[in-house]
Amino acid sequence: MRTPIANTSDPTAYFESFLFKPTDRFSAIYPNYQELVSGLSGVSTEAGYELTLL
């Protein structure tokens, strides 16, 4: 592990200090978590037809 930085520093720099580069491809930090949540929620669509009982 690299030398730790102060936990009062920039959050992105603090996160990056924990990564084992270049092999850590599974860890990521996003500046806006709402964009991430909406991007992962997917798109809800319908088939375009409806059933009616007669």
PDB file of N, CA and C in Angstrom:
ATOM      1  N   MET A   1       0.833  -1.174   0.000  1.00  0.00           N
ATOM      2  CA  MET A   1       0.000   0.000   0.000  1.00  0.00           C
ATOM      3  C   MET A   1       0.880   1.240   0.000  1.00  0.00           C
ATOM      4  N   ARG A   2       0.417   2.238  -0.676  1.00  0.00           N
ATOM      5  CA  ARG A   2       1.172   3.493  -0.713  1.00  0.00           C
ATOM      6  C   ARG A   2       1.040   4.232   0.606  1.00  0.00           C
ATOM      7  N   THR A   3       1.808   5.287   0.737  1.00  0.00           N
ATOM      8  CA  THR A   3       1.714   6.085   1.953  1.00  0.00           C
ATOM      9  C   THR A   3       0.351   6.761   1.999  1.00  0.00           C
ATOM     10  N   PRO A   4      -0.311   6.703   3.134  1.00  0.00           N
ATOM     11  CA  PRO A   4      -1.657   7.285   3.217  1.00  0.00           C
ATOM     12  C   PRO A   4      -1.622   8.812   3.156  1.00  0.00           C
ATOM     13  N   ILE A   5      -2.719   9.368   2.676  1.00  0.00           N
ATOM     14  CA  ILE A   5      -2.856  10.822   2.673  1.00  0.00           C
ATOM     15  C   ILE A   5      -3.889  11.184   3.731  1.00  0.00           C
ATOM     16  N   ALA A   6      -3.968  12.426   4.061  1.00  0.00           N
ATOM     17  CA  ALA A   6      -4.890  12.879   5.110  1.00  0.00           C
ATOM     18  C   ALA A   6      -6.337  12.676   4.671  1.00  0.00           C
ATOM     19  N   ASN A   7      -7.162  12.220   5.591  1.00  0.00           N
ATOM     20  CA  ASN A   7      -8.561  11.988   5.241  1.00  0.00           C
ATOM     21  C   ASN A   7      -9.354  13.278   5.090  1.00  0.00           C
ATOM     22  N   THR A   8      -8.738  14.403   5.322  1.00  0.00           N
ATOM     23  CA  THR A   8      -9.398  15.685   5.116  1.00  0.00           C
ATOM     24  C   THR A   8      -9.096  16.267   3.739  1.00  0.00           C
ATOM     25  N   SER A   9      -8.342  15.532   2.917  1.00  0.00           N
ATOM     26  CA  SER A   9      -8.012  16.020   1.578  1.00  0.00           C
ATOM     27  C   SER A   9      -9.184  15.814   0.626  1.00  0.00           C
ATOM     28  N   ASP A  10      -8.982  16.136  -0.622  1.00  0.00           N
ATOM     29  CA  ASP A  10      -9.997  16.006  -1.658  1.00  0.00           C
ATOM     30  C   ASP A  10     -10.499  14.557  -1.712  1.00  0.00           C
ATOM     31  N   PRO A  11     -11.827  14.319  -1.734  1.00  0.00           N
ATOM     32  CA  PRO A  11     -12.343  12.948  -1.736  1.00  0.00           C
ATOM     33  C   PRO A  11     -11.864  12.099  -2.909  1.00  0.00           C
ATOM     34  N   THR A  12     -11.725  12.712  -4.082  1.00  0.00           N
ATOM     35  CA  THR A  12     -11.257  11.959  -5.237  1.00  0.00           C
ATOM     36  C   THR A  12      -9.808  11.531  -5.046  1.00  0.00           C
ATOM     37  N   ALA A  13      -8.981  12.419  -4.557  1.00  0.00           N
ATOM     38  CA  ALA A  13      -7.578  12.081  -4.319  1.00  0.00           C
ATOM     39  C   ALA A  13      -7.449  11.043  -3.210  1.00  0.00           C
ATOM     40  N   TYR A  14      -8.284  11.140  -2.195  1.00  0.00           N
ATOM     41  CA  TYR A  14      -8.267  10.166  -1.100  1.00  0.00           C
ATOM     42  C   TYR A  14      -8.653   8.778  -1.611  1.00  0.00           C
ATOM     43  N   PHE A  15      -9.681   8.708  -2.461  1.00  0.00           N
ATOM     44  CA  PHE A  15     -10.097   7.439  -3.049  1.00  0.00           C
ATOM     45  C   PHE A  15      -9.010   6.866  -3.936  1.00  0.00           C
ATOM     46  N   GLU A  16      -8.418   7.705  -4.778  1.00  0.00           N
ATOM     47  CA  GLU A  16      -7.378   7.261  -5.698  1.00  0.00           C
ATOM     48  C   GLU A  16      -6.149   6.737  -4.956  1.00  0.00           C
ATOM     49  N   SER A  17      -5.918   7.214  -3.739  1.00  0.00           N
ATOM     50  CA  SER A  17      -4.741   6.758  -2.997  1.00  0.00           C
ATOM     51  C   SER A  17      -4.867   5.307  -2.558  1.00  0.00           C
ATOM     52  N   PHE A  18      -6.086   4.776  -2.497  1.00  0.00           N
ATOM     53  CA  PHE A  18      -6.289   3.385  -2.100  1.00  0.00           C
ATOM     54  C   PHE A  18      -6.208   2.397  -3.255  1.00  0.00           C
ATOM     55  N   LEU A  19      -6.300   2.874  -4.483  1.00  0.00           N
ATOM     56  CA  LEU A  19      -6.340   1.985  -5.634  1.00  0.00           C
ATOM     57  C   LEU A  19      -4.974   1.380  -5.919  1.00  0.00           C
ATOM     58  N   PHE A  20      -4.991   0.153  -6.374  1.00  0.00           N
ATOM     59  CA  PHE A  20      -3.778  -0.523  -6.810  1.00  0.00           C
ATOM     60  C   PHE A  20      -3.737  -0.418  -8.324  1.00  0.00           C
ATOM     61  N   LYS A  21      -3.030   0.578  -8.813  1.00  0.00           N
ATOM     62  CA  LYS A  21      -3.020   0.861 -10.242  1.00  0.00           C
ATOM     63  C   LYS A  21      -1.885   0.136 -10.916  1.00  0.00           C
ATOM     64  N   PRO A  22      -1.997  -0.256 -12.129  1.00  0.00           N
ATOM     65  CA  PRO A  22      -3.087  -0.121 -13.097  1.00  0.00           C
ATOM     66  C   PRO A  22      -4.035  -1.316 -13.102  1.00  0.00           C
ATOM     67  N   THR A  23      -3.892  -2.240 -12.171  1.00  0.00           N
ATOM     68  CA  THR A  23      -4.680  -3.470 -12.249  1.00  0.00           C
ATOM     69  C   THR A  23      -6.060  -3.378 -11.615  1.00  0.00           C
ATOM     70  N   ASP A  24      -6.352  -2.365 -10.850  1.00  0.00           N
ATOM     71  CA  ASP A  24      -7.664  -2.240 -10.219  1.00  0.00           C
ATOM     72  C   ASP A  24      -8.636  -1.579 -11.184  1.00  0.00           C
ATOM     73  N   ARG A  25      -9.362  -2.407 -11.909  1.00  0.00           N
ATOM     74  CA  ARG A  25     -10.309  -1.881 -12.890  1.00  0.00           C
ATOM     75  C   ARG A  25     -11.748  -1.944 -12.405  1.00  0.00           C
ATOM     76  N   PHE A  26     -11.969  -2.430 -11.196  1.00  0.00           N
ATOM     77  CA  PHE A  26     -13.321  -2.600 -10.684  1.00  0.00           C
ATOM     78  C   PHE A  26     -13.761  -1.475  -9.748  1.00  0.00           C
ATOM     79  N   SER A  27     -12.853  -0.645  -9.312  1.00  0.00           N
ATOM     80  CA  SER A  27     -13.188   0.448  -8.399  1.00  0.00           C
ATOM     81  C   SER A  27     -13.333   1.743  -9.186  1.00  0.00           C
ATOM     82  N   ALA A  28     -14.366   2.497  -8.838  1.00  0.00           N
ATOM     83  CA  ALA A  28     -14.611   3.765  -9.530  1.00  0.00           C
ATOM     84  C   ALA A  28     -15.272   4.730  -8.570  1.00  0.00           C
ATOM     85  N   ILE A  29     -15.099   6.009  -8.853  1.00  0.00           N
ATOM     86  CA  ILE A  29     -15.761   7.055  -8.082  1.00  0.00           C
ATOM     87  C   ILE A  29     -16.448   7.981  -9.077  1.00  0.00           C
ATOM     88  N   TYR A  30     -17.669   8.351  -8.759  1.00  0.00           N
ATOM     89  CA  TYR A  30     -18.463   9.191  -9.647  1.00  0.00           C
ATOM     90  C   TYR A  30     -18.775  10.504  -8.943  1.00  0.00           C
ATOM     91  N   PRO A  31     -18.634  11.636  -9.642  1.00  0.00           N
ATOM     92  CA  PRO A  31     -18.885  12.923  -9.002  1.00  0.00           C
ATOM     93  C   PRO A  31     -20.362  13.160  -8.696  1.00  0.00           C
ATOM     94  N   ASN A  32     -21.262  12.557  -9.465  1.00  0.00           N
ATOM     95  CA  ASN A  32     -22.695  12.759  -9.252  1.00  0.00           C
ATOM     96  C   ASN A  32     -23.364  11.388  -9.188  1.00  0.00           C
ATOM     97  N   TYR A  33     -23.736  10.950  -8.001  1.00  0.00           N
ATOM     98  CA  TYR A  33     -24.293   9.604  -7.871  1.00  0.00           C
ATOM     99  C   TYR A  33     -25.687   9.502  -8.472  1.00  0.00           C
ATOM    100  N   GLN A  34     -26.420  10.614  -8.587  1.00  0.00           N
ATOM    101  CA  GLN A  34     -27.751  10.573  -9.188  1.00  0.00           C
ATOM    102  C   GLN A  34     -27.671  10.174 -10.662  1.00  0.00           C
ATOM    103  N   GLU A  35     -26.655  10.640 -11.374  1.00  0.00           N
ATOM    104  CA  GLU A  35     -26.469  10.247 -12.770  1.00  0.00           C
ATOM    105  C   GLU A  35     -26.168   8.759 -12.867  1.00  0.00           C
ATOM    106  N   LEU A  36     -25.392   8.249 -11.950  1.00  0.00           N
ATOM    107  CA  LEU A  36     -25.067   6.825 -11.935  1.00  0.00           C
ATOM    108  C   LEU A  36     -26.314   5.988 -11.678  1.00  0.00           C
ATOM    109  N   VAL A  37     -27.115   6.382 -10.699  1.00  0.00           N
ATOM    110  CA  VAL A  37     -28.329   5.633 -10.369  1.00  0.00           C
ATOM    111  C   VAL A  37     -29.298   5.641 -11.541  1.00  0.00           C
ATOM    112  N   SER A  38     -29.490   6.782 -12.160  1.00  0.00           N
ATOM    113  CA  SER A  38     -30.416   6.856 -13.289  1.00  0.00           C
ATOM    114  C   SER A  38     -29.874   6.110 -14.505  1.00  0.00           C
ATOM    115  N   GLY A  39     -28.565   6.080 -14.660  1.00  0.00           N
ATOM    116  CA  GLY A  39     -27.974   5.336 -15.766  1.00  0.00           C
ATOM    117  C   GLY A  39     -28.073   3.832 -15.578  1.00  0.00           C
ATOM    118  N   LEU A  40     -28.068   3.372 -14.344  1.00  0.00           N
ATOM    119  CA  LEU A  40     -28.151   1.940 -14.071  1.00  0.00           C
ATOM    120  C   LEU A  40     -29.583   1.440 -13.925  1.00  0.00           C
ATOM    121  N   SER A  41     -30.552   2.346 -13.862  1.00  0.00           N
ATOM    122  CA  SER A  41     -31.934   1.925 -13.658  1.00  0.00           C
ATOM    123  C   SER A  41     -32.546   1.318 -14.916  1.00  0.00           C
ATOM    124  N   GLY A  42     -31.998   1.582 -16.065  1.00  0.00           N
ATOM    125  CA  GLY A  42     -32.501   0.997 -17.301  1.00  0.00           C
ATOM    126  C   GLY A  42     -33.685   1.759 -17.860  1.00  0.00           C
ATOM    127  N   VAL A  43     -34.215   1.243 -18.935  1.00  0.00           N
ATOM    128  CA  VAL A  43     -35.338   1.872 -19.608  1.00  0.00           C
ATOM    129  C   VAL A  43     -36.510   0.896 -19.548  1.00  0.00           C
ATOM    130  N   SER A  44     -37.629   1.376 -19.091  1.00  0.00           N
ATOM    131  CA  SER A  44     -38.828   0.545 -19.013  1.00  0.00           C
ATOM    132  C   SER A  44     -39.686   0.804 -20.239  1.00  0.00           C
ATOM    133  N   THR A  45     -39.912  -0.228 -21.027  1.00  0.00           N
ATOM    134  CA  THR A  45     -40.736  -0.083 -22.227  1.00  0.00           C
ATOM    135  C   THR A  45     -41.814  -1.156 -22.237  1.00  0.00           C
ATOM    136  N   GLU A  46     -42.817  -0.936 -23.052  1.00  0.00           N
ATOM    137  CA  GLU A  46     -43.890  -1.900 -23.243  1.00  0.00           C
ATOM    138  C   GLU A  46     -43.819  -2.497 -24.629  1.00  0.00           C
ATOM    139  N   ALA A  47     -44.502  -3.603 -24.819  1.00  0.00           N
ATOM    140  CA  ALA A  47     -44.467  -4.280 -26.109  1.00  0.00           C
ATOM    141  C   ALA A  47     -45.293  -3.564 -27.170  1.00  0.00           C
ATOM    142  N   GLY A  48     -46.218  -2.697 -26.781  1.00  0.00           N
ATOM    143  CA  GLY A  48     -46.994  -1.948 -27.759  1.00  0.00           C
ATOM    144  C   GLY A  48     -48.372  -2.533 -28.015  1.00  0.00           C
ATOM    145  N   TYR A  49     -48.797  -3.473 -27.210  1.00  0.00           N
ATOM    146  CA  TYR A  49     -50.130  -4.028 -27.374  1.00  0.00           C
ATOM    147  C   TYR A  49     -50.774  -4.177 -26.006  1.00  0.00           C
ATOM    148  N   GLU A  50     -52.093  -4.333 -25.993  1.00  0.00           N
ATOM    149  CA  GLU A  50     -52.796  -4.553 -24.732  1.00  0.00           C
ATOM    150  C   GLU A  50     -53.843  -5.639 -24.943  1.00  0.00           C
ATOM    151  N   LEU A  51     -54.177  -6.353 -23.895  1.00  0.00           N
ATOM    152  CA  LEU A  51     -55.147  -7.424 -23.959  1.00  0.00           C
ATOM    153  C   LEU A  51     -56.487  -6.929 -23.466  1.00  0.00           C
ATOM    154  N   THR A  52     -57.542  -7.309 -24.162  1.00  0.00           N
ATOM    155  CA  THR A  52     -58.899  -6.958 -23.771  1.00  0.00           C
ATOM    156  C   THR A  52     -59.728  -8.226 -23.762  1.00  0.00           C
ATOM    157  N   LEU A  53     -60.422  -8.481 -22.676  1.00  0.00           N
ATOM    158  CA  LEU A  53     -61.285  -9.652 -22.590  1.00  0.00           C
ATOM    159  C   LEU A  53     -62.678  -9.283 -23.075  1.00  0.00           C
ATOM    160  N   LEU A  54     -63.244 -10.115 -23.924  1.00  0.00           N
ATOM    161  CA  LEU A  54     -64.582  -9.891 -24.468  1.00  0.00           C
ATOM    162  C   LEU A  54     -65.534 -10.930 -23.963  1.00  0.00           C
TER     163      LEU A  54
END
